[in-house]
Amino acid sequence: MTTTSLLAFDYGTKNIGVACGQTITRSANALAPLKARDGVPDWNQIEQLLTEWKPDLVLVGLPLNMDGSESELSTRARKFANRIHGRFGVKVDTVDERLSSFEAKGEVIRQGGSRDYKNNPVDSIAARIILEGWFEQQTG
């Protein structure tokens, strides 16, 4: 088995959560979230992350509706994923991320954190949860 490093993004219009992980230990860690302006990141920051972590695969959470249908935000997340691939030539997959932000908020509350999510964003925790979910879905 070759070591595969991954970056995962939890796309949002104000913040984009980021997590890194690798397949040997199937571990994931939240990184500092990126600011976005109406969903547009600072592409230089994305490039820095890709240069630093050298991922073999980039995952972008796809925020589907509970019935599995697409939403405006899922369309924008797909566009974000396509732009990462187009700009940087890395392999990108989208991953169903239903309830990852809900789960991340619950994790913060269980650890005694603030419920003020505007000043305490959970986006990178959600990105870590997306990556951990991807690990769980892989066979072998």
Protein backbone atom coordinates (compact mmCIF):
# COMPACT_ATOMS: atom_id res chain seq x y z
CA MET A 1 0.00 0.00 0.00
CA THR A 2 1.38 3.38 -0.93
CA THR A 3 1.01 6.33 1.36
CA THR A 4 -1.69 8.62 0.09
CA SER A 5 -2.05 12.08 1.51
CA LEU A 6 -5.32 13.94 1.26
CA LEU A 7 -6.74 17.39 1.77
CA ALA A 8 -10.43 17.88 2.43
CA PHE A 9 -12.45 21.07 2.10
CA ASP A 10 -15.81 21.93 3.65
CA TYR A 11 -16.97 24.57 1.19
CA GLY A 12 -18.88 27.58 2.44
CA THR A 13 -19.61 31.10 1.29
CA LYS A 14 -17.86 32.75 4.28
CA ASN A 15 -15.45 30.08 5.53
CA ILE A 16 -13.93 27.03 3.90
CA GLY A 17 -12.90 24.33 6.34
CA VAL A 18 -9.67 22.45 5.69
CA ALA A 19 -8.37 19.11 6.95
CA CYS A 20 -5.42 16.92 6.04
CA GLY A 21 -5.02 13.19 6.37
CA GLN A 22 -3.24 10.11 5.13
CA THR A 23 -4.26 6.56 4.40
CA ILE A 24 -1.64 4.60 6.38
CA THR A 25 -3.07 5.55 9.78
CA ARG A 26 -6.44 6.65 8.36
CA SER A 27 -6.12 9.77 10.45
CA ALA A 28 -7.35 13.28 9.76
CA ASN A 29 -6.56 16.62 11.37
CA ALA A 30 -8.38 19.93 11.11
CA LEU A 31 -6.32 22.85 9.81
CA ALA A 32 -7.04 26.57 10.00
CA PRO A 33 -10.14 27.47 7.97
CA LEU A 34 -9.87 29.80 5.00
CA LYS A 35 -11.93 32.95 4.62
CA ALA A 36 -14.06 33.21 1.52
CA ARG A 37 -15.79 36.17 -0.06
CA ASP A 38 -19.16 34.99 -1.36
CA GLY A 39 -17.64 31.53 -1.74
CA VAL A 40 -14.47 32.68 -3.47
CA PRO A 41 -11.29 31.76 -1.61
CA ASP A 42 -7.89 33.36 -1.81
CA TRP A 43 -6.53 30.99 -4.45
CA ASN A 44 -2.98 31.71 -3.25
CA GLN A 45 -3.89 30.12 0.09
CA ILE A 46 -5.26 27.04 -1.69
CA GLU A 47 -2.02 26.84 -3.70
CA GLN A 48 0.04 27.11 -0.49
CA LEU A 49 -1.91 24.24 1.07
CA LEU A 50 -1.43 22.08 -2.01
CA THR A 51 2.30 22.88 -2.09
CA GLU A 52 2.73 22.18 1.62
CA TRP A 53 0.70 18.96 1.88
CA LYS A 54 1.20 17.60 -1.66
CA PRO A 55 -2.07 15.64 -1.59
CA ASP A 56 -2.61 12.69 -3.88
CA LEU A 57 -6.32 13.41 -3.67
CA VAL A 58 -8.41 16.45 -2.71
CA LEU A 59 -11.90 15.91 -1.32
CA VAL A 60 -14.60 18.57 -1.42
CA GLY A 61 -17.69 18.09 0.68
CA LEU A 62 -20.90 18.12 -1.35
CA PRO A 63 -23.74 19.62 0.71
CA LEU A 64 -26.71 17.67 -0.61
CA ASN A 65 -30.25 18.08 0.69
CA MET A 66 -31.43 15.37 3.07
CA ASP A 67 -33.33 13.69 0.21
CA GLY A 68 -30.08 13.49 -1.80
CA SER A 69 -31.02 16.26 -4.22
CA GLU A 70 -28.66 19.07 -5.18
CA SER A 71 -28.92 22.56 -3.72
CA GLU A 72 -27.50 25.90 -4.84
CA LEU A 73 -24.65 25.38 -2.36
CA SER A 74 -23.87 21.91 -3.74
CA THR A 75 -23.67 23.40 -7.24
CA ARG A 76 -21.22 26.00 -5.93
CA ALA A 77 -19.19 23.32 -4.10
CA ARG A 78 -18.90 21.34 -7.37
CA LYS A 79 -17.71 24.49 -9.12
CA PHE A 80 -15.11 25.01 -6.36
CA ALA A 81 -13.93 21.40 -6.80
CA ASN A 82 -13.71 21.83 -10.58
CA ARG A 83 -11.70 25.03 -10.17
CA ILE A 84 -9.19 23.34 -7.86
CA HIS A 85 -8.72 20.60 -10.44
CA GLY A 86 -8.52 23.05 -13.34
CA ARG A 87 -6.13 25.50 -11.68
CA PHE A 88 -3.77 23.05 -10.02
CA GLY A 89 -4.18 19.77 -11.92
CA VAL A 90 -4.75 17.70 -8.77
CA LYS A 91 -7.21 14.82 -8.54
CA VAL A 92 -10.43 16.01 -6.88
CA ASP A 93 -13.46 14.02 -5.74
CA THR A 94 -16.66 15.28 -4.16
CA VAL A 95 -18.01 13.53 -1.08
CA ASP A 96 -21.53 13.55 0.35
CA GLU A 97 -21.22 15.66 3.47
CA ARG A 98 -24.78 15.66 4.75
CA LEU A 99 -24.83 16.40 8.50
CA SER A 100 -21.05 17.00 8.79
CA SER A 101 -21.55 20.59 10.00
CA PHE A 102 -24.28 19.44 12.40
CA GLU A 103 -21.94 16.74 13.73
CA ALA A 104 -19.09 19.26 14.03
CA LYS A 105 -21.27 21.65 16.06
CA GLY A 106 -22.25 18.79 18.35
CA GLU A 107 -18.59 17.91 18.85
CA VAL A 108 -17.76 21.50 19.85
CA ILE A 109 -20.66 21.57 22.31
CA ARG A 110 -19.68 18.20 23.84
CA GLN A 111 -16.16 19.56 24.41
CA GLY A 112 -17.57 22.56 26.24
CA GLY A 113 -17.11 25.01 23.39
CA SER A 114 -19.15 28.08 22.57
CA ARG A 115 -22.34 27.89 20.52
CA ASP A 116 -21.33 31.17 18.89
CA TYR A 117 -20.43 29.63 15.53
CA LYS A 118 -19.85 32.99 13.83
CA ASN A 119 -16.87 33.61 16.12
CA ASN A 120 -16.04 29.94 16.60
CA PRO A 121 -16.33 28.39 13.14
CA VAL A 122 -16.64 24.64 12.94
CA ASP A 123 -15.78 24.42 9.25
CA SER A 124 -12.43 22.67 9.65
CA ILE A 125 -13.91 20.20 12.12
CA ALA A 126 -16.53 19.45 9.44
CA ALA A 127 -13.72 19.00 6.88
CA ARG A 128 -12.05 16.50 9.23
CA ILE A 129 -15.36 14.65 9.62
CA ILE A 130 -15.74 14.55 5.81
CA LEU A 131 -12.27 13.02 5.51
CA GLU A 132 -12.90 10.50 8.30
CA GLY A 133 -16.14 9.50 6.57
CA TRP A 134 -14.21 8.97 3.34
CA PHE A 135 -11.77 6.68 5.18
CA GLU A 136 -14.69 4.65 6.55
CA GLN A 137 -16.10 4.14 3.04
CA GLN A 138 -12.81 2.82 1.64
CA THR A 139 -12.33 -0.95 1.52
CA GLY A 140 -9.25 -2.73 2.72
